[in-house]
Amino acid sequence: MKKAAVIVAVIIIASLPAFSETTPQKIDSKGIWIWGSTLYDVGISRFVSEMEKHNFSDVYLLIKDASGYYTFDLLEALLNSSAKLRIHAWIICFYDESHGGWIDPNSSEYREYLINDIIIPAVEKGADGICLDYIRYPGNAHGDTYPITSFCREVKKIVKGINPHCAVSAAVMPEMDANAFYYGQSYEEMGKYVDCLLPMTYTHAYKMPPSWVGEVVSYIKKRVSCKVEAIIESTDENGIYMDKDELKRCIDAALNSGSDGISFFRYPIAEWQYSVIDLYNPFFDDKPPEINISYPEKNWFYLFGKKLLPCENLTVVIGYPRKIIVNARDESGIKMVKLFANDMLIGTAYNEPYEFNFEYRGFYKIKAVAIDNYDNIAFDTMDLFML
């Protein structure tokens, strides 16, 4: 009897479908690349609805194309249309048909143009990320990696100086050992100055099998400490959509080799492709962060930093230190903490300790606001008398 039961159990287990084929798999991010002209044609509302329906987390929107044309209109509109999607400003760097084609990455004039006219405004308009594409030589670098690396370093310094939480990424060629020599792209060096490297693992363009996607990801992951996310060629340059089987094998090869996420080049996505893409879902956090004003504590009387007596519905601080300290935490991380007094912004802190100087005297309604990396918000308040 026991033997028969075991046989039945084995048959049942063997007949169950594989987990990865039936159950959505959690990943760090799922992105889509889209041309501005395509977004304009399809419409922002329809596009955002489609992306949210299929659990995309990131959008790479082309704001400067190969012709040299750039615009921020669609970027601003897209940023205002979805709180769930992270919007990256996708920028063609060292190729510009209005300047004759390929640009020398050493050109200080063109580098300044990219930074001052395109990158800085995109960050200031609220882009969640800056994605550098065509950040390379056309094949004649001869091993000179300094221009590309130094541009990454310069961009990171400027972007993070404006918004420490704006991600800097770079689309890189997938040719592994050859990349540094031909294109000036050293994964190791670039990885020090970007948050994520995005290898263009285009199986159709390179006439490679899906397993090659994993080989590229594995090669880069061993050499960098930043994130690595494979770009899957869902539609090739001839307009041919990748079939379901190849698409799934490309995705699995990337994730099984350590890819921190996946993105698809490019929109639109065919309906049959969604039947595969929908199996892979990024983690979304809708839980607000934890926050409390830790100094001074609510409803206490302080004299020169010493907590002496409880007060009723009022915090009183006499003398120094004149500061307010806020504790905030969230599993996804804290993007920023803002402090307001009578609805006036006192300051913004991006890193712990979240401490604010407060040199004001009188009665104030204090409000501390914490925003996590998924834009969930929480706040704490107190009535404060400072003298």
Protein backbone atom coordinates (compact mmCIF):
# COMPACT_ATOMS: atom_id res chain seq x y z
CA MET A 1 0.00 0.00 0.00
CA LYS A 2 2.79 2.43 0.94
CA LYS A 3 4.69 1.58 -2.25
CA ALA A 4 1.61 2.34 -4.37
CA ALA A 5 1.16 5.69 -2.61
CA VAL A 6 4.77 6.65 -3.31
CA ILE A 7 4.41 5.77 -7.00
CA VAL A 8 1.23 7.87 -7.26
CA ALA A 9 2.96 10.81 -5.55
CA VAL A 10 5.93 10.59 -7.93
CA ILE A 11 3.59 10.55 -10.94
CA ILE A 12 1.68 13.60 -9.65
CA ILE A 13 4.86 15.59 -8.93
CA ALA A 14 6.37 14.69 -12.31
CA SER A 15 3.22 15.87 -14.08
CA LEU A 16 3.27 19.32 -12.45
CA PRO A 17 4.43 22.14 -14.77
CA ALA A 18 7.78 23.80 -14.12
CA PHE A 19 7.65 26.76 -11.71
CA SER A 20 9.28 29.24 -14.08
CA GLU A 21 6.73 28.46 -16.78
CA THR A 22 3.61 29.03 -14.68
CA THR A 23 4.42 31.31 -11.79
CA PRO A 24 5.49 34.96 -12.14
CA GLN A 25 9.12 35.36 -11.13
CA LYS A 26 10.21 38.33 -9.03
CA ILE A 27 13.05 40.42 -10.43
CA ASP A 28 14.63 43.77 -9.53
CA SER A 29 13.45 45.68 -12.60
CA LYS A 30 11.70 45.25 -15.92
CA GLY A 31 12.24 47.97 -18.50
CA ILE A 32 11.15 49.03 -21.97
CA TRP A 33 12.94 51.24 -24.51
CA ILE A 34 10.84 53.61 -26.58
CA TRP A 35 11.47 56.26 -29.19
CA GLY A 36 9.89 59.64 -28.61
CA SER A 37 8.14 59.49 -31.99
CA THR A 38 6.58 56.14 -31.04
CA LEU A 39 5.37 57.50 -27.71
CA TYR A 40 3.89 60.50 -29.48
CA ASP A 41 2.03 58.25 -31.94
CA VAL A 42 0.67 55.80 -29.36
CA GLY A 43 -0.19 58.45 -26.76
CA ILE A 44 1.12 58.78 -23.23
CA SER A 45 -2.06 57.62 -21.44
CA ARG A 46 -2.33 54.46 -23.51
CA PHE A 47 1.39 53.71 -23.16
CA VAL A 48 1.44 54.21 -19.37
CA SER A 49 -1.67 52.08 -18.95
CA GLU A 50 -0.11 49.27 -20.98
CA MET A 51 3.17 49.39 -19.09
CA GLU A 52 1.50 49.39 -15.69
CA LYS A 53 -0.82 46.57 -16.73
CA HIS A 54 2.20 44.40 -17.59
CA ASN A 55 4.15 45.38 -14.46
CA PHE A 56 7.01 47.28 -16.06
CA SER A 57 9.08 49.30 -13.63
CA ASP A 58 11.37 51.33 -15.92
CA VAL A 59 11.02 53.26 -19.17
CA TYR A 60 13.98 54.40 -21.29
CA LEU A 61 12.65 57.32 -23.32
CA LEU A 62 14.77 58.62 -26.19
CA ILE A 63 15.11 62.40 -25.68
CA LYS A 64 18.15 62.96 -27.97
CA ASP A 65 18.29 60.90 -31.12
CA ALA A 66 20.94 60.11 -33.74
CA SER A 67 19.98 63.13 -35.83
CA GLY A 68 20.99 65.42 -32.97
CA TYR A 69 17.42 66.52 -32.26
CA TYR A 70 16.42 66.66 -28.60
CA THR A 71 13.33 67.60 -26.64
CA PHE A 72 12.12 67.43 -23.04
CA ASP A 73 8.39 67.76 -23.74
CA LEU A 74 7.56 64.05 -23.71
CA LEU A 75 9.90 63.44 -20.77
CA GLU A 76 8.06 65.97 -18.64
CA ALA A 77 4.67 64.67 -19.73
CA LEU A 78 5.62 61.06 -19.00
CA LEU A 79 7.05 61.98 -15.59
CA ASN A 80 3.74 63.63 -14.73
CA SER A 81 1.69 60.68 -15.94
CA SER A 82 2.91 57.86 -13.71
CA ALA A 83 4.17 57.65 -10.15
CA LYS A 84 4.82 53.92 -10.55
CA LEU A 85 7.21 53.98 -13.53
CA ARG A 86 10.82 55.14 -13.28
CA ILE A 87 11.58 57.29 -16.31
CA HIS A 88 15.13 57.35 -17.70
CA ALA A 89 16.22 60.01 -20.17
CA TRP A 90 17.84 57.98 -22.96
CA ILE A 91 20.54 60.06 -24.68
CA ILE A 92 22.53 59.31 -27.85
CA CYS A 93 25.95 60.67 -26.90
CA PHE A 94 28.80 60.50 -29.41
CA TYR A 95 26.85 60.16 -32.62
CA ASP A 96 25.16 63.22 -34.10
CA GLU A 97 24.21 63.51 -37.77
CA SER A 98 23.87 67.29 -37.41
CA HIS A 99 27.60 67.32 -36.59
CA GLY A 100 28.62 64.90 -39.34
CA GLY A 101 28.08 61.57 -37.58
CA TRP A 102 30.50 60.13 -35.04
CA ILE A 103 31.85 62.61 -32.47
CA ASP A 104 35.32 62.37 -30.94
CA PRO A 105 34.68 61.46 -27.26
CA ASN A 106 37.65 63.71 -26.40
CA SER A 107 35.80 66.78 -27.69
CA SER A 108 35.43 69.02 -24.65
CA GLU A 109 33.06 71.27 -26.57
CA TYR A 110 30.63 68.45 -27.39
CA ARG A 111 30.90 66.95 -23.92
CA GLU A 112 29.99 70.31 -22.39
CA TYR A 113 27.08 70.57 -24.81
CA LEU A 114 25.75 67.14 -23.79
CA ILE A 115 26.05 67.96 -20.10
CA ASN A 116 24.85 71.57 -20.06
CA ASP A 117 22.14 71.45 -22.71
CA ILE A 118 20.74 67.94 -22.27
CA ILE A 119 21.82 66.04 -19.15
CA ILE A 120 21.51 68.79 -16.53
CA PRO A 121 18.07 69.97 -17.77
CA ALA A 122 16.82 66.36 -17.83
CA VAL A 123 17.86 65.84 -14.21
CA GLU A 124 16.40 69.18 -13.15
CA LYS A 125 13.09 68.27 -14.80
CA GLY A 126 12.89 65.23 -12.55
CA ALA A 127 14.16 62.30 -14.63
CA ASP A 128 14.61 59.19 -12.50
CA GLY A 129 17.66 58.21 -14.53
CA ILE A 130 20.11 59.33 -17.20
CA CYS A 131 20.95 56.59 -19.72
CA LEU A 132 24.03 57.14 -21.89
CA ASP A 133 23.91 55.41 -25.28
CA TYR A 134 26.46 55.54 -28.11
CA ILE A 135 28.97 56.29 -25.37
CA ARG A 136 31.80 54.79 -27.39
CA TYR A 137 34.08 54.96 -30.39
CA PRO A 138 32.72 53.45 -33.63
CA GLY A 139 35.38 50.72 -33.51
CA ASN A 140 38.63 52.66 -33.71
CA ALA A 141 39.44 53.24 -30.02
CA HIS A 142 42.65 51.14 -30.24
CA GLY A 143 42.36 50.44 -26.53
CA ASP A 144 42.04 54.07 -25.40
CA THR A 145 39.39 53.83 -22.67
CA TYR A 146 40.09 57.11 -20.85
CA PRO A 147 37.68 59.37 -22.82
CA ILE A 148 34.68 57.11 -22.19
CA THR A 149 35.55 56.46 -18.55
CA SER A 150 36.21 60.12 -17.83
CA PHE A 151 32.88 61.13 -19.37
CA CYS A 152 31.08 58.62 -17.13
CA ARG A 153 32.90 60.07 -14.13
CA GLU A 154 32.01 63.64 -15.13
CA VAL A 155 28.35 62.80 -15.71
CA LYS A 156 28.03 60.96 -12.41
CA LYS A 157 29.52 63.87 -10.44
CA ILE A 158 27.17 66.39 -12.01
CA VAL A 159 24.02 64.23 -11.89
CA LYS A 160 24.51 63.15 -8.28
CA GLY A 161 25.29 66.73 -7.31
CA ILE A 162 21.81 67.71 -8.46
CA ASN A 163 19.93 64.60 -7.34
CA PRO A 164 21.80 61.79 -5.56
CA HIS A 165 18.97 59.39 -6.36
CA CYS A 166 18.95 59.92 -10.12
CA ALA A 167 20.37 56.72 -11.62
CA VAL A 168 23.20 56.89 -14.15
CA SER A 169 23.36 54.00 -16.61
CA ALA A 170 25.21 53.22 -19.83
CA ALA A 171 24.27 50.99 -22.75
CA VAL A 172 27.39 49.02 -23.66
CA MET A 173 28.46 46.76 -26.50
CA PRO A 174 28.32 43.02 -25.66
CA GLU A 175 31.60 41.95 -27.24
CA MET A 176 33.35 41.24 -23.93
CA ASP A 177 37.14 41.04 -24.47
CA ALA A 178 36.91 43.22 -27.58
CA ASN A 179 34.95 46.07 -26.03
CA ALA A 180 37.83 48.02 -24.52
CA PHE A 181 40.03 47.75 -27.61
CA TYR A 182 37.49 48.58 -30.30
CA TYR A 183 34.98 50.79 -28.51
CA GLY A 184 36.91 52.27 -25.60
CA GLN A 185 34.41 50.71 -23.22
CA SER A 186 36.10 49.15 -20.22
CA TYR A 187 33.38 47.49 -18.18
CA GLU A 188 35.58 47.60 -15.08
CA GLU A 189 36.33 51.32 -15.37
CA MET A 190 32.85 52.41 -16.44
CA GLY A 191 31.32 50.35 -13.64
CA LYS A 192 32.95 52.60 -11.06
CA TYR A 193 30.98 55.62 -12.25
CA VAL A 194 27.56 54.31 -13.27
CA ASP A 195 24.80 52.67 -11.27
CA CYS A 196 24.09 50.13 -13.99
CA LEU A 197 25.66 48.76 -17.18
CA LEU A 198 23.17 47.69 -19.84
CA PRO A 199 24.76 45.23 -22.31
CA MET A 200 22.98 45.20 -25.67
CA THR A 201 22.64 41.43 -25.96
CA TYR A 202 20.96 41.47 -29.36
CA THR A 203 20.84 37.83 -30.43
CA HIS A 204 19.47 38.53 -33.91
CA ALA A 205 21.95 41.31 -34.67
CA TYR A 206 24.88 39.14 -33.56
CA LYS A 207 23.37 35.88 -34.84
CA MET A 208 23.90 34.27 -31.45
CA PRO A 209 21.84 31.75 -29.45
CA PRO A 210 19.97 32.77 -26.27
CA SER A 211 22.70 31.19 -24.11
CA TRP A 212 25.06 33.92 -25.33
CA VAL A 213 22.99 36.48 -23.39
CA GLY A 214 23.96 34.71 -20.19
CA GLU A 215 27.61 34.52 -21.22
CA VAL A 216 27.75 38.30 -21.69
CA VAL A 217 26.00 39.01 -18.40
CA SER A 218 28.26 36.60 -16.52
CA TYR A 219 31.39 38.09 -18.09
CA ILE A 220 30.47 41.63 -17.05
CA LYS A 221 29.15 40.68 -13.59
CA LYS A 222 32.52 39.17 -12.69
CA ARG A 223 34.26 42.47 -13.42
CA VAL A 224 32.03 45.16 -11.90
CA SER A 225 30.33 46.02 -8.64
CA CYS A 226 27.51 48.04 -10.20
CA LYS A 227 24.25 46.53 -11.41
CA VAL A 228 24.13 44.74 -14.77
CA GLU A 229 20.88 44.43 -16.70
CA ALA A 230 20.63 42.72 -20.07
CA ILE A 231 18.78 44.40 -22.91
CA ILE A 232 16.82 41.76 -24.85
CA GLU A 233 16.26 42.36 -28.57
CA SER A 234 12.51 41.75 -28.58
CA THR A 235 12.27 43.34 -32.05
CA ASP A 236 15.23 43.35 -34.42
CA GLU A 237 16.32 46.00 -36.93
CA ASN A 238 14.27 44.28 -39.64
CA GLY A 239 11.09 44.60 -37.58
CA ILE A 240 10.97 40.88 -36.77
CA TYR A 241 9.49 40.13 -33.35
CA MET A 242 11.32 37.50 -31.32
CA ASP A 243 9.20 34.37 -30.85
CA LYS A 244 8.06 33.24 -27.41
CA ASP A 245 10.50 30.37 -27.04
CA GLU A 246 13.58 32.40 -27.92
CA LEU A 247 12.40 35.32 -25.80
CA LYS A 248 11.98 33.15 -22.72
CA ARG A 249 15.32 31.45 -23.23
CA CYS A 250 17.04 34.85 -23.54
CA ILE A 251 15.38 36.13 -20.36
CA ASP A 252 16.21 32.98 -18.39
CA ALA A 253 19.80 32.99 -19.63
CA ALA A 254 20.19 36.58 -18.40
CA LEU A 255 18.58 36.06 -15.00
CA ASN A 256 20.27 32.73 -14.35
CA SER A 257 23.62 34.44 -14.98
CA GLY A 258 22.97 37.16 -12.43
CA SER A 259 21.32 39.95 -14.43
CA ASP A 260 19.82 42.38 -11.90
CA GLY A 261 16.87 42.96 -14.19
CA ILE A 262 15.88 42.88 -17.84
CA SER A 263 14.71 45.37 -20.42
CA PHE A 264 13.34 45.01 -23.91
CA PHE A 265 14.41 46.82 -27.06
CA ARG A 266 11.96 48.09 -28.02
CA TYR A 267 8.30 49.13 -27.80
CA PRO A 268 5.83 48.02 -29.11
CA ILE A 269 5.67 44.54 -27.63
CA ALA A 270 3.64 41.86 -29.44
CA GLU A 271 0.74 40.30 -27.55
CA TRP A 272 2.28 36.83 -27.72
CA GLN A 273 5.49 38.25 -26.23
CA TYR A 274 3.54 39.52 -23.23
CA SER A 275 2.53 35.94 -22.44
CA VAL A 276 6.22 35.38 -21.61
CA ILE A 277 7.18 38.83 -20.31
CA ASP A 278 4.31 38.77 -17.81
CA LEU A 279 5.97 35.80 -16.07
CA TYR A 280 8.69 38.13 -14.78
CA ASN A 281 7.60 40.87 -12.40
CA PRO A 282 9.67 43.45 -10.53
CA PHE A 283 9.23 44.05 -6.85
CA PHE A 284 6.94 46.99 -6.11
CA ASP A 285 6.80 48.54 -2.66
CA ASP A 286 3.56 50.27 -1.69
CA LYS A 287 4.27 50.32 2.05
CA PRO A 288 5.08 53.77 3.48
CA PRO A 289 8.37 54.24 5.33
CA GLU A 290 8.72 54.48 9.09
CA ILE A 291 9.51 57.93 10.46
CA ASN A 292 9.73 59.72 13.78
CA ILE A 293 11.27 62.92 15.07
CA SER A 294 13.81 61.62 17.56
CA TYR A 295 15.21 64.94 18.82
CA PRO A 296 13.69 66.75 20.49
CA GLU A 297 11.16 64.18 21.72
CA LYS A 298 7.55 65.22 21.64
CA ASN A 299 6.00 66.87 24.68
CA TRP A 300 9.20 67.38 26.69
CA PHE A 301 10.98 70.41 28.09
CA TYR A 302 14.69 70.71 27.16
CA LEU A 303 17.25 73.03 28.70
CA PHE A 304 20.56 73.19 26.82
CA GLY A 305 20.07 69.72 25.42
CA LYS A 306 18.92 68.06 28.65
CA LYS A 307 15.44 66.53 28.79
CA LEU A 308 14.02 67.74 32.10
CA LEU A 309 10.21 67.69 32.35
CA PRO A 310 7.24 66.39 30.38
CA CYS A 311 4.98 69.00 28.77
CA GLU A 312 1.39 68.75 27.64
CA ASN A 313 0.95 68.91 23.85
CA LEU A 314 4.08 71.01 23.35
CA THR A 315 7.82 70.51 23.01
CA VAL A 316 9.94 73.28 24.50
CA VAL A 317 13.63 73.80 23.77
CA ILE A 318 15.62 76.48 25.56
CA GLY A 319 19.18 77.12 24.40
CA TYR A 320 21.43 74.94 22.30
CA PRO A 321 21.67 72.60 20.46
CA ARG A 322 19.19 74.09 18.00
CA LYS A 323 18.58 71.14 15.72
CA ILE A 324 15.99 68.56 14.75
CA ILE A 325 16.91 64.92 14.14
CA VAL A 326 14.64 62.56 12.22
CA ASN A 327 14.77 58.77 12.07
CA ALA A 328 13.48 57.17 8.86
CA ARG A 329 13.76 53.67 7.43
CA ASP A 330 12.26 51.54 4.68
CA GLU A 331 13.11 48.18 3.13
CA SER A 332 13.48 49.79 -0.30
CA GLY A 333 15.62 52.61 1.10
CA ILE A 334 14.92 56.26 1.86
CA LYS A 335 15.13 58.66 -1.09
CA MET A 336 14.97 61.82 1.03
CA VAL A 337 13.68 63.42 4.21
CA LYS A 338 12.20 66.92 4.16
CA LEU A 339 11.62 69.19 7.16
CA PHE A 340 8.93 71.87 7.22
CA ALA A 341 8.15 74.56 9.81
CA ASN A 342 4.73 76.22 9.44
CA ASP A 343 4.63 74.72 5.91
CA MET A 344 7.95 76.39 4.99
CA LEU A 345 10.64 74.02 3.73
CA ILE A 346 13.61 74.16 6.11
CA GLY A 347 15.81 71.60 4.36
CA THR A 348 16.18 68.27 2.58
CA ALA A 349 18.49 65.44 3.69
CA TYR A 350 19.41 62.59 1.38
CA ASN A 351 21.59 60.51 3.70
CA GLU A 352 21.66 59.52 7.34
CA PRO A 353 21.80 61.09 9.82
CA TYR A 354 18.74 63.13 8.86
CA GLU A 355 19.69 66.16 10.92
CA PHE A 356 18.57 69.77 10.41
CA ASN A 357 19.84 72.97 11.98
CA PHE A 358 16.97 75.04 13.38
CA GLU A 359 18.02 78.54 14.38
CA TYR A 360 14.50 79.91 14.64
CA ARG A 361 12.77 81.21 17.78
CA GLY A 362 9.09 81.08 18.59
CA PHE A 363 6.19 78.67 18.09
CA TYR A 364 6.27 76.33 15.09
CA LYS A 365 4.31 73.41 13.70
CA ILE A 366 7.03 70.97 12.63
CA LYS A 367 6.46 68.36 9.96
CA ALA A 368 9.08 65.80 8.87
CA VAL A 369 8.36 63.94 5.63
CA ALA A 370 10.11 60.74 4.50
CA ILE A 371 9.97 59.54 0.87
CA ASP A 372 11.18 56.04 0.01
CA ASN A 373 12.63 54.80 -3.27
CA TYR A 374 9.17 53.90 -4.55
CA ASP A 375 7.83 57.37 -3.70
CA ASN A 376 5.76 56.20 -0.75
CA ILE A 377 5.40 58.99 1.81
CA ALA A 378 5.09 59.14 5.60
CA PHE A 379 5.32 62.02 8.04
CA ASP A 380 5.63 62.92 11.71
CA THR A 381 4.64 66.20 13.36
CA MET A 382 5.14 68.13 16.58
CA ASP A 383 4.30 71.50 18.10
CA LEU A 384 7.57 73.19 19.05
CA PHE A 385 8.51 76.27 21.03
CA MET A 386 12.15 77.22 20.56
CA LEU A 387 13.91 79.96 22.54
